[in-house]
Amino acid sequence: MHLAICKPKIRKKAKLNDWVIGTGSKNSPVGDISSSVVYAMRVTRRVTMRDYDRIVHTELTGKIPDWDSTDFRRRVGDSIYDFSTNPATIRRSVHDERNRKRDLSGEYVLLSAHFCYFGDRPVALPADLQSIIKIGQGHKVISDERVERFMTWIESLDVARGGPIGGPQCKDLEKRCLTDEEDDD
């Protein structure tokens, strides 16, 4: 799993071994999932966006969006900036020029070999972990005993390090899944 676009503050500040947790919203395409985990990843690699563009050409070719593909996953690849030009050009993707400043301000791409992606099949957090949820836009940093509790809980699901459990919540590419107002600025 990779976090390459959106969430620039998280991408800029997260370090190796940090956990990044995406929780749902009240108005998601699959209903109110505001107390559920959509994805969780432990950062196992952190690279610049320019380096990520180089990596996807050799290691992760499926991450370059292919808008003509019939496979939805290939259409929404997250390596949307081509750094072979200066300035970087944007590949046809789920983002456009309106997202450039925010996307590039994150500077880094977070990669994980230890993740869970629940997507349209989110998993409710236990009651004792509900306090880690950030209400509203933005993000929240947790650095207390709840981190250890979360790690124990997510490992108990026996899904970490595996492939996706669910699919994307937003498959209508004629609409953008996120508007500028819904994203972490």
N, C-alpha and C. Protein backbone atom coordinates (compact mmCIF):
# COMPACT_ATOMS: atom_id res chain seq x y z
N MET A 1 0.85 -1.17 0.00
CA MET A 1 0.00 0.00 0.00
C MET A 1 0.89 1.23 0.00
N HIS A 2 0.40 2.27 -0.65
CA HIS A 2 1.17 3.50 -0.75
C HIS A 2 0.27 4.69 -0.49
N LEU A 3 0.84 5.73 0.09
CA LEU A 3 0.15 7.00 0.24
C LEU A 3 0.99 8.00 -0.54
N ALA A 4 0.54 8.29 -1.78
CA ALA A 4 1.35 9.07 -2.71
C ALA A 4 0.74 10.43 -3.05
N ILE A 5 -0.56 10.55 -2.94
CA ILE A 5 -1.24 11.80 -3.22
C ILE A 5 -2.22 12.05 -2.07
N CYS A 6 -2.75 13.24 -1.98
CA CYS A 6 -3.62 13.63 -0.87
C CYS A 6 -2.82 13.61 0.44
N LYS A 7 -3.42 13.97 1.50
CA LYS A 7 -2.86 13.94 2.85
C LYS A 7 -1.40 14.44 2.92
N PRO A 8 -1.13 15.65 2.40
CA PRO A 8 0.26 16.12 2.36
C PRO A 8 0.91 16.29 3.72
N LYS A 9 0.17 16.71 4.73
CA LYS A 9 0.78 16.89 6.05
C LYS A 9 1.24 15.56 6.62
N ILE A 10 0.45 14.53 6.43
CA ILE A 10 0.83 13.20 6.92
C ILE A 10 2.04 12.71 6.15
N ARG A 11 2.03 12.83 4.83
CA ARG A 11 3.15 12.34 4.01
C ARG A 11 4.44 13.09 4.34
N LYS A 12 4.33 14.33 4.71
CA LYS A 12 5.52 15.13 5.01
C LYS A 12 6.11 14.77 6.38
N LYS A 13 5.28 14.43 7.34
CA LYS A 13 5.75 14.24 8.71
C LYS A 13 5.94 12.79 9.15
N ALA A 14 5.25 11.85 8.53
CA ALA A 14 5.33 10.46 8.98
C ALA A 14 6.74 9.92 8.80
N LYS A 15 7.15 9.10 9.74
CA LYS A 15 8.47 8.49 9.75
C LYS A 15 8.34 6.98 9.59
N LEU A 16 9.47 6.32 9.36
CA LEU A 16 9.48 4.86 9.28
C LEU A 16 8.90 4.26 10.56
N ASN A 17 8.11 3.23 10.41
CA ASN A 17 7.44 2.50 11.47
C ASN A 17 6.23 3.20 12.08
N ASP A 18 5.93 4.43 11.67
CA ASP A 18 4.69 5.08 12.11
C ASP A 18 3.52 4.34 11.48
N TRP A 19 2.40 4.35 12.18
CA TRP A 19 1.16 3.81 11.64
C TRP A 19 0.34 4.96 11.11
N VAL A 20 -0.22 4.78 9.92
CA VAL A 20 -1.15 5.74 9.33
C VAL A 20 -2.48 4.99 9.21
N ILE A 21 -3.52 5.59 9.78
CA ILE A 21 -4.83 4.93 9.82
C ILE A 21 -5.84 5.84 9.15
N GLY A 22 -6.54 5.30 8.18
CA GLY A 22 -7.61 6.05 7.51
C GLY A 22 -8.96 5.56 8.03
N THR A 23 -9.70 6.48 8.63
CA THR A 23 -11.04 6.12 9.10
C THR A 23 -12.07 6.68 8.13
N GLY A 24 -13.27 6.16 8.22
CA GLY A 24 -14.32 6.55 7.29
C GLY A 24 -15.03 7.83 7.70
N SER A 25 -16.01 8.18 6.90
CA SER A 25 -16.80 9.38 7.16
C SER A 25 -18.28 9.03 7.24
N LYS A 26 -19.05 9.98 7.72
CA LYS A 26 -20.50 9.76 7.80
C LYS A 26 -21.12 9.67 6.42
N ASN A 27 -20.52 10.35 5.44
CA ASN A 27 -21.11 10.43 4.11
C ASN A 27 -20.32 9.67 3.06
N SER A 28 -19.76 8.53 3.42
CA SER A 28 -18.99 7.76 2.43
C SER A 28 -19.96 7.11 1.43
N PRO A 29 -19.46 6.69 0.29
CA PRO A 29 -20.31 6.01 -0.70
C PRO A 29 -20.95 4.72 -0.17
N VAL A 30 -20.42 4.16 0.94
CA VAL A 30 -20.99 2.92 1.49
C VAL A 30 -21.75 3.17 2.79
N GLY A 31 -22.05 4.43 3.10
CA GLY A 31 -22.82 4.76 4.30
C GLY A 31 -21.96 5.37 5.39
N ASP A 32 -22.51 5.46 6.59
CA ASP A 32 -21.81 6.04 7.73
C ASP A 32 -20.81 5.03 8.27
N ILE A 33 -19.54 5.29 8.02
CA ILE A 33 -18.48 4.41 8.50
C ILE A 33 -17.50 5.23 9.35
N SER A 34 -18.03 6.24 10.03
CA SER A 34 -17.20 7.18 10.76
C SER A 34 -16.48 6.57 11.96
N SER A 35 -16.86 5.40 12.40
CA SER A 35 -16.14 4.76 13.50
C SER A 35 -15.40 3.50 13.04
N SER A 36 -15.09 3.47 11.75
CA SER A 36 -14.46 2.29 11.17
C SER A 36 -13.13 2.62 10.49
N VAL A 37 -12.30 1.60 10.39
CA VAL A 37 -11.00 1.72 9.71
C VAL A 37 -11.19 1.33 8.25
N VAL A 38 -10.74 2.21 7.35
CA VAL A 38 -10.77 1.94 5.92
C VAL A 38 -9.43 1.37 5.48
N TYR A 39 -8.35 1.89 6.06
CA TYR A 39 -7.03 1.33 5.82
C TYR A 39 -6.13 1.60 7.01
N ALA A 40 -5.11 0.79 7.15
CA ALA A 40 -4.08 0.99 8.16
C ALA A 40 -2.77 0.52 7.55
N MET A 41 -1.74 1.32 7.73
CA MET A 41 -0.45 0.94 7.18
C MET A 41 0.67 1.36 8.12
N ARG A 42 1.64 0.50 8.28
CA ARG A 42 2.86 0.86 9.00
C ARG A 42 3.85 1.30 7.93
N VAL A 43 4.41 2.48 8.07
CA VAL A 43 5.33 3.00 7.07
C VAL A 43 6.61 2.16 7.09
N THR A 44 6.87 1.48 5.98
CA THR A 44 8.08 0.65 5.88
C THR A 44 9.09 1.23 4.90
N ARG A 45 8.68 2.24 4.16
CA ARG A 45 9.58 2.91 3.22
C ARG A 45 9.03 4.31 2.97
N ARG A 46 9.93 5.28 2.91
CA ARG A 46 9.55 6.68 2.68
C ARG A 46 10.49 7.24 1.62
N VAL A 47 9.91 7.68 0.49
CA VAL A 47 10.74 8.17 -0.62
C VAL A 47 10.18 9.49 -1.11
N THR A 48 11.01 10.27 -1.78
CA THR A 48 10.51 11.51 -2.38
C THR A 48 9.57 11.15 -3.52
N MET A 49 8.74 12.10 -3.89
CA MET A 49 7.83 11.86 -5.01
C MET A 49 8.61 11.63 -6.30
N ARG A 50 9.72 12.32 -6.48
CA ARG A 50 10.56 12.13 -7.65
C ARG A 50 11.13 10.71 -7.67
N ASP A 51 11.60 10.22 -6.52
CA ASP A 51 12.12 8.85 -6.44
C ASP A 51 11.01 7.83 -6.68
N TYR A 52 9.82 8.11 -6.17
CA TYR A 52 8.68 7.20 -6.40
C TYR A 52 8.40 7.08 -7.89
N ASP A 53 8.47 8.19 -8.60
CA ASP A 53 8.24 8.14 -10.05
C ASP A 53 9.26 7.24 -10.72
N ARG A 54 10.50 7.27 -10.26
CA ARG A 54 11.53 6.37 -10.81
C ARG A 54 11.24 4.91 -10.44
N ILE A 55 10.84 4.69 -9.20
CA ILE A 55 10.57 3.34 -8.71
C ILE A 55 9.43 2.68 -9.47
N VAL A 56 8.37 3.44 -9.76
CA VAL A 56 7.21 2.82 -10.42
C VAL A 56 7.54 2.34 -11.83
N HIS A 57 8.56 2.88 -12.44
CA HIS A 57 8.93 2.44 -13.79
C HIS A 57 9.62 1.08 -13.78
N THR A 58 10.16 0.68 -12.62
CA THR A 58 10.86 -0.60 -12.56
C THR A 58 10.20 -1.61 -11.62
N GLU A 59 9.74 -1.15 -10.46
CA GLU A 59 9.22 -2.05 -9.44
C GLU A 59 7.69 -2.10 -9.35
N LEU A 60 7.04 -1.00 -9.67
CA LEU A 60 5.61 -0.88 -9.40
C LEU A 60 4.85 -0.32 -10.60
N THR A 61 5.04 -0.92 -11.75
CA THR A 61 4.49 -0.35 -12.98
C THR A 61 2.97 -0.19 -12.94
N GLY A 62 2.29 -0.98 -12.15
CA GLY A 62 0.84 -0.86 -12.05
C GLY A 62 0.37 0.39 -11.33
N LYS A 63 1.29 1.15 -10.76
CA LYS A 63 0.91 2.36 -10.04
C LYS A 63 0.82 3.58 -10.96
N ILE A 64 1.26 3.45 -12.21
CA ILE A 64 1.11 4.53 -13.18
C ILE A 64 -0.31 4.42 -13.75
N PRO A 65 -1.12 5.48 -13.63
CA PRO A 65 -2.50 5.37 -14.11
C PRO A 65 -2.57 5.05 -15.60
N ASP A 66 -3.45 4.14 -15.94
CA ASP A 66 -3.72 3.80 -17.34
C ASP A 66 -5.21 4.02 -17.56
N TRP A 67 -5.54 5.22 -17.97
CA TRP A 67 -6.93 5.63 -18.08
C TRP A 67 -7.71 4.80 -19.11
N ASP A 68 -7.01 4.16 -20.03
CA ASP A 68 -7.68 3.36 -21.06
C ASP A 68 -7.93 1.92 -20.63
N SER A 69 -7.42 1.53 -19.46
CA SER A 69 -7.59 0.16 -18.99
C SER A 69 -9.03 -0.08 -18.55
N THR A 70 -9.49 -1.30 -18.74
CA THR A 70 -10.82 -1.67 -18.26
C THR A 70 -10.76 -2.09 -16.79
N ASP A 71 -9.56 -2.32 -16.26
CA ASP A 71 -9.37 -2.68 -14.86
C ASP A 71 -9.35 -1.39 -14.04
N PHE A 72 -10.34 -1.23 -13.18
CA PHE A 72 -10.46 -0.01 -12.38
C PHE A 72 -9.18 0.31 -11.63
N ARG A 73 -8.53 -0.70 -11.04
CA ARG A 73 -7.31 -0.48 -10.26
C ARG A 73 -6.20 0.15 -11.10
N ARG A 74 -6.10 -0.24 -12.37
CA ARG A 74 -5.08 0.33 -13.26
C ARG A 74 -5.40 1.79 -13.61
N ARG A 75 -6.66 2.11 -13.64
CA ARG A 75 -7.06 3.48 -13.98
C ARG A 75 -6.73 4.45 -12.86
N VAL A 76 -6.74 4.00 -11.62
CA VAL A 76 -6.57 4.91 -10.49
C VAL A 76 -5.18 4.81 -9.85
N GLY A 77 -4.18 4.42 -10.61
CA GLY A 77 -2.82 4.38 -10.08
C GLY A 77 -2.44 5.72 -9.47
N ASP A 78 -1.62 5.68 -8.42
CA ASP A 78 -1.32 6.91 -7.68
C ASP A 78 -0.03 7.61 -8.09
N SER A 79 0.70 7.07 -9.06
CA SER A 79 1.90 7.76 -9.55
C SER A 79 1.47 8.71 -10.66
N ILE A 80 0.87 9.81 -10.25
CA ILE A 80 0.24 10.70 -11.22
C ILE A 80 1.15 11.82 -11.71
N TYR A 81 2.32 11.97 -11.11
CA TYR A 81 3.24 13.03 -11.54
C TYR A 81 4.44 12.42 -12.26
N ASP A 82 4.72 12.95 -13.43
CA ASP A 82 5.85 12.51 -14.25
C ASP A 82 6.98 13.50 -14.04
N PHE A 83 8.02 13.06 -13.32
CA PHE A 83 9.13 13.93 -12.98
C PHE A 83 10.25 13.90 -14.03
N SER A 84 9.99 13.31 -15.20
CA SER A 84 11.00 13.34 -16.25
C SER A 84 11.04 14.72 -16.90
N THR A 85 10.08 15.56 -16.58
CA THR A 85 10.05 16.94 -17.06
C THR A 85 10.17 17.88 -15.88
N ASN A 86 10.54 19.10 -16.17
CA ASN A 86 10.65 20.11 -15.11
C ASN A 86 9.90 21.36 -15.54
N PRO A 87 8.80 21.70 -14.91
CA PRO A 87 8.23 21.04 -13.74
C PRO A 87 7.56 19.72 -14.10
N ALA A 88 7.27 18.94 -13.08
CA ALA A 88 6.61 17.65 -13.29
C ALA A 88 5.28 17.86 -14.00
N THR A 89 4.96 16.96 -14.91
CA THR A 89 3.66 17.01 -15.57
C THR A 89 2.72 16.03 -14.88
N ILE A 90 1.45 16.29 -15.02
CA ILE A 90 0.46 15.43 -14.39
C ILE A 90 -0.09 14.44 -15.42
N ARG A 91 -0.08 13.19 -15.04
CA ARG A 91 -0.65 12.16 -15.91
C ARG A 91 -2.17 12.19 -15.78
N ARG A 92 -2.86 11.74 -16.80
CA ARG A 92 -4.32 11.65 -16.73
C ARG A 92 -4.66 10.72 -15.58
N SER A 93 -5.43 11.22 -14.62
CA SER A 93 -5.66 10.45 -13.40
C SER A 93 -6.87 11.01 -12.65
N VAL A 94 -7.02 10.55 -11.41
CA VAL A 94 -8.12 11.00 -10.57
C VAL A 94 -7.90 12.42 -10.06
N HIS A 95 -6.71 12.95 -10.18
CA HIS A 95 -6.41 14.33 -9.82
C HIS A 95 -6.08 15.12 -11.08
N ASP A 96 -6.18 16.44 -10.96
CA ASP A 96 -5.82 17.31 -12.08
C ASP A 96 -5.04 18.50 -11.55
N GLU A 97 -4.87 19.51 -12.36
CA GLU A 97 -4.05 20.67 -11.98
C GLU A 97 -4.54 21.34 -10.69
N ARG A 98 -5.82 21.24 -10.39
CA ARG A 98 -6.34 21.84 -9.15
C ARG A 98 -5.74 21.19 -7.91
N ASN A 99 -5.22 19.98 -8.03
CA ASN A 99 -4.67 19.25 -6.90
C ASN A 99 -3.15 19.35 -6.80
N ARG A 100 -2.51 19.90 -7.82
CA ARG A 100 -1.04 19.91 -7.90
C ARG A 100 -0.37 20.48 -6.66
N LYS A 101 -0.73 21.66 -6.27
CA LYS A 101 -0.04 22.32 -5.15
C LYS A 101 -0.14 21.48 -3.88
N ARG A 102 -1.34 20.99 -3.59
CA ARG A 102 -1.54 20.20 -2.37
C ARG A 102 -0.78 18.87 -2.48
N ASP A 103 -0.92 18.17 -3.60
CA ASP A 103 -0.24 16.88 -3.75
C ASP A 103 1.27 17.02 -3.59
N LEU A 104 1.85 17.95 -4.30
CA LEU A 104 3.31 18.09 -4.29
C LEU A 104 3.84 18.65 -2.98
N SER A 105 3.00 19.32 -2.20
CA SER A 105 3.46 19.88 -0.93
C SER A 105 3.77 18.78 0.09
N GLY A 106 3.27 17.58 -0.13
CA GLY A 106 3.56 16.47 0.78
C GLY A 106 4.98 15.95 0.68
N GLU A 107 5.62 16.21 -0.44
CA GLU A 107 7.03 15.89 -0.71
C GLU A 107 7.37 14.40 -0.75
N TYR A 108 6.75 13.58 0.07
CA TYR A 108 7.12 12.17 0.18
C TYR A 108 5.96 11.26 -0.18
N VAL A 109 6.32 10.03 -0.51
CA VAL A 109 5.35 8.95 -0.68
C VAL A 109 5.65 7.95 0.42
N LEU A 110 4.61 7.52 1.11
CA LEU A 110 4.76 6.53 2.17
C LEU A 110 4.38 5.18 1.61
N LEU A 111 5.25 4.21 1.76
CA LEU A 111 5.00 2.86 1.26
C LEU A 111 4.92 1.91 2.45
N SER A 112 4.16 0.85 2.28
CA SER A 112 4.02 -0.11 3.36
C SER A 112 3.95 -1.54 2.83
N ALA A 113 4.69 -2.39 3.48
CA ALA A 113 4.59 -3.83 3.22
C ALA A 113 3.80 -4.48 4.36
N HIS A 114 3.27 -3.66 5.26
CA HIS A 114 2.52 -4.13 6.43
C HIS A 114 1.26 -3.29 6.52
N PHE A 115 0.20 -3.75 5.87
CA PHE A 115 -1.00 -2.92 5.75
C PHE A 115 -2.27 -3.76 5.68
N CYS A 116 -3.37 -3.07 5.86
CA CYS A 116 -4.71 -3.64 5.68
C CYS A 116 -5.51 -2.60 4.90
N TYR A 117 -6.11 -3.00 3.81
CA TYR A 117 -6.99 -2.11 3.06
C TYR A 117 -8.38 -2.73 3.05
N PHE A 118 -9.30 -2.11 3.78
CA PHE A 118 -10.65 -2.63 3.88
C PHE A 118 -11.59 -2.00 2.86
N GLY A 119 -11.30 -0.77 2.43
CA GLY A 119 -12.08 -0.10 1.40
C GLY A 119 -13.57 -0.10 1.67
N ASP A 120 -14.33 -0.74 0.79
CA ASP A 120 -15.79 -0.75 0.92
C ASP A 120 -16.27 -1.81 1.92
N ARG A 121 -15.33 -2.41 2.65
CA ARG A 121 -15.68 -3.37 3.71
C ARG A 121 -14.95 -2.96 5.00
N PRO A 122 -15.17 -1.72 5.47
CA PRO A 122 -14.44 -1.22 6.64
C PRO A 122 -14.75 -2.02 7.89
N VAL A 123 -13.83 -1.95 8.86
CA VAL A 123 -13.97 -2.69 10.11
C VAL A 123 -14.11 -1.68 11.25
N ALA A 124 -15.14 -1.86 12.06
CA ALA A 124 -15.39 -0.95 13.19
C ALA A 124 -14.27 -1.08 14.22
N LEU A 125 -13.82 0.07 14.70
CA LEU A 125 -12.84 0.08 15.78
C LEU A 125 -13.52 -0.34 17.08
N PRO A 126 -12.81 -1.05 17.95
CA PRO A 126 -13.38 -1.37 19.26
C PRO A 126 -13.64 -0.08 20.05
N ALA A 127 -14.55 -0.17 20.99
CA ALA A 127 -14.94 1.01 21.79
C ALA A 127 -13.74 1.68 22.45
N ASP A 128 -12.78 0.90 22.95
CA ASP A 128 -11.65 1.50 23.66
C ASP A 128 -10.65 2.19 22.71
N LEU A 129 -10.86 2.07 21.40
CA LEU A 129 -9.98 2.76 20.44
C LEU A 129 -10.69 3.89 19.69
N GLN A 130 -11.95 4.11 19.99
CA GLN A 130 -12.70 5.17 19.30
C GLN A 130 -12.04 6.54 19.48
N SER A 131 -11.32 6.74 20.55
CA SER A 131 -10.69 8.05 20.81
C SER A 131 -9.56 8.37 19.84
N ILE A 132 -9.10 7.41 19.04
CA ILE A 132 -8.05 7.72 18.07
C ILE A 132 -8.61 8.37 16.81
N ILE A 133 -9.92 8.35 16.66
CA ILE A 133 -10.55 8.90 15.46
C ILE A 133 -10.49 10.42 15.49
N LYS A 134 -10.07 11.00 14.39
CA LYS A 134 -10.07 12.45 14.22
C LYS A 134 -11.45 12.83 13.70
N ILE A 135 -12.17 13.62 14.48
CA ILE A 135 -13.48 14.09 14.07
C ILE A 135 -13.27 15.29 13.15
N GLY A 136 -13.88 15.27 11.98
CA GLY A 136 -13.73 16.37 11.04
C GLY A 136 -12.49 16.20 10.17
N GLN A 137 -12.18 17.23 9.43
CA GLN A 137 -11.06 17.19 8.49
C GLN A 137 -9.73 17.22 9.22
N GLY A 138 -8.69 16.80 8.51
CA GLY A 138 -7.35 16.85 9.05
C GLY A 138 -6.87 15.51 9.57
N HIS A 139 -5.90 15.57 10.46
CA HIS A 139 -5.36 14.33 11.01
C HIS A 139 -5.05 14.52 12.48
N LYS A 140 -4.76 13.43 13.13
CA LYS A 140 -4.51 13.41 14.57
C LYS A 140 -3.30 12.53 14.81
N VAL A 141 -2.40 12.99 15.66
CA VAL A 141 -1.21 12.22 16.00
C VAL A 141 -1.44 11.58 17.37
N ILE A 142 -1.22 10.28 17.44
CA ILE A 142 -1.38 9.53 18.69
C ILE A 142 -0.02 8.96 19.05
N SER A 143 0.44 9.21 20.26
CA SER A 143 1.75 8.68 20.67
C SER A 143 1.72 8.17 22.11
N ASP A 144 0.63 7.51 22.46
CA ASP A 144 0.53 6.97 23.82
C ASP A 144 0.22 5.48 23.75
N GLU A 145 -0.29 4.93 24.84
CA GLU A 145 -0.54 3.49 24.92
C GLU A 145 -1.56 3.00 23.91
N ARG A 146 -2.35 3.91 23.33
CA ARG A 146 -3.34 3.49 22.33
C ARG A 146 -2.67 2.95 21.07
N VAL A 147 -1.45 3.39 20.78
CA VAL A 147 -0.74 2.87 19.62
C VAL A 147 -0.51 1.37 19.79
N GLU A 148 -0.03 0.98 20.94
CA GLU A 148 0.21 -0.44 21.23
C GLU A 148 -1.10 -1.22 21.20
N ARG A 149 -2.15 -0.64 21.75
CA ARG A 149 -3.46 -1.30 21.75
C ARG A 149 -3.96 -1.47 20.31
N PHE A 150 -3.79 -0.41 19.48
CA PHE A 150 -4.21 -0.51 18.09
C PHE A 150 -3.44 -1.62 17.38
N MET A 151 -2.12 -1.65 17.58
CA MET A 151 -1.30 -2.67 16.93
C MET A 151 -1.75 -4.07 17.33
N THR A 152 -2.06 -4.27 18.59
CA THR A 152 -2.55 -5.57 19.06
C THR A 152 -3.87 -5.91 18.39
N TRP A 153 -4.77 -4.93 18.33
CA TRP A 153 -6.08 -5.15 17.72
C TRP A 153 -5.96 -5.47 16.23
N ILE A 154 -5.21 -4.67 15.48
CA ILE A 154 -5.12 -4.88 14.02
C ILE A 154 -4.46 -6.22 13.73
N GLU A 155 -3.45 -6.61 14.52
CA GLU A 155 -2.81 -7.92 14.33
C GLU A 155 -3.79 -9.05 14.64
N SER A 156 -4.71 -8.80 15.58
CA SER A 156 -5.67 -9.85 15.94
C SER A 156 -6.64 -10.16 14.80
N LEU A 157 -6.77 -9.22 13.86
CA LEU A 157 -7.65 -9.45 12.72
C LEU A 157 -7.04 -10.42 11.71
N ASP A 158 -5.72 -10.65 11.86
CA ASP A 158 -5.00 -11.58 11.01
C ASP A 158 -5.13 -11.24 9.52
N VAL A 159 -5.07 -9.94 9.23
CA VAL A 159 -5.16 -9.50 7.84
C VAL A 159 -3.99 -8.62 7.42
N ALA A 160 -3.18 -8.14 8.38
CA ALA A 160 -2.06 -7.29 8.04
C ALA A 160 -1.08 -8.05 7.15
N ARG A 161 -0.37 -7.33 6.32
CA ARG A 161 0.60 -7.86 5.36
C ARG A 161 -0.07 -8.58 4.20
N GLY A 162 -1.38 -8.50 4.12
CA GLY A 162 -2.10 -9.18 3.06
C GLY A 162 -2.52 -8.21 1.97
N GLY A 163 -3.24 -8.73 1.03
CA GLY A 163 -3.76 -7.90 -0.04
C GLY A 163 -5.01 -7.16 0.41
N PRO A 164 -5.63 -6.48 -0.48
CA PRO A 164 -6.85 -5.74 -0.14
C PRO A 164 -7.96 -6.70 0.31
N ILE A 165 -8.69 -6.29 1.32
CA ILE A 165 -9.83 -7.06 1.80
C ILE A 165 -11.08 -6.61 1.05
N GLY A 166 -11.22 -5.30 0.88
CA GLY A 166 -12.35 -4.74 0.15
C GLY A 166 -11.86 -3.99 -1.08
N GLY A 167 -12.83 -3.48 -1.84
CA GLY A 167 -12.51 -2.69 -3.02
C GLY A 167 -12.66 -1.20 -2.72
N PRO A 168 -12.32 -0.36 -3.68
CA PRO A 168 -12.48 1.08 -3.49
C PRO A 168 -13.94 1.44 -3.23
N GLN A 169 -14.14 2.46 -2.43
CA GLN A 169 -15.50 2.92 -2.16
C GLN A 169 -16.06 3.71 -3.33
N CYS A 170 -15.21 4.37 -4.07
CA CYS A 170 -15.65 5.24 -5.16
C CYS A 170 -15.14 4.66 -6.48
N LYS A 171 -16.03 4.15 -7.29
CA LYS A 171 -15.63 3.58 -8.57
C LYS A 171 -16.16 4.39 -9.75
N ASP A 172 -16.85 5.47 -9.48
CA ASP A 172 -17.39 6.32 -10.54
C ASP A 172 -16.34 7.35 -10.92
N LEU A 173 -15.57 7.05 -11.95
CA LEU A 173 -14.47 7.93 -12.33
C LEU A 173 -14.94 9.20 -13.03
N GLU A 174 -16.21 9.29 -13.32
CA GLU A 174 -16.71 10.55 -13.87
C GLU A 174 -16.81 11.59 -12.78
N LYS A 175 -16.82 11.15 -11.54
CA LYS A 175 -16.82 12.04 -10.38
C LYS A 175 -15.51 11.82 -9.65
N ARG A 176 -15.03 12.82 -8.97
CA ARG A 176 -13.83 12.65 -8.16
C ARG A 176 -14.24 12.09 -6.81
N CYS A 177 -13.46 11.17 -6.28
CA CYS A 177 -13.78 10.57 -4.99
C CYS A 177 -13.67 11.60 -3.86
N LEU A 178 -12.71 12.48 -3.95
CA LEU A 178 -12.52 13.51 -2.93
C LEU A 178 -12.63 14.88 -3.58
N THR A 179 -13.26 15.78 -2.89
CA THR A 179 -13.22 17.16 -3.33
C THR A 179 -12.11 17.85 -2.56
N ASP A 180 -11.67 18.98 -3.01
CA ASP A 180 -10.61 19.69 -2.32
C ASP A 180 -10.98 19.96 -0.87
N GLU A 181 -12.25 20.21 -0.59
CA GLU A 181 -12.67 20.54 0.77
C GLU A 181 -12.62 19.34 1.70
N GLU A 182 -12.70 18.13 1.16
CA GLU A 182 -12.74 16.94 2.01
C GLU A 182 -11.36 16.44 2.39
N ASP A 183 -10.34 16.93 1.76
CA ASP A 183 -9.01 16.40 1.98
C ASP A 183 -8.28 17.19 3.06
N ASP A 184 -7.26 16.57 3.63
CA ASP A 184 -6.38 17.20 4.60
C ASP A 184 -5.54 18.25 3.87
N ASP A 185 -5.60 19.47 4.31
CA ASP A 185 -4.81 20.50 3.59
C ASP A 185 -3.47 20.72 4.22
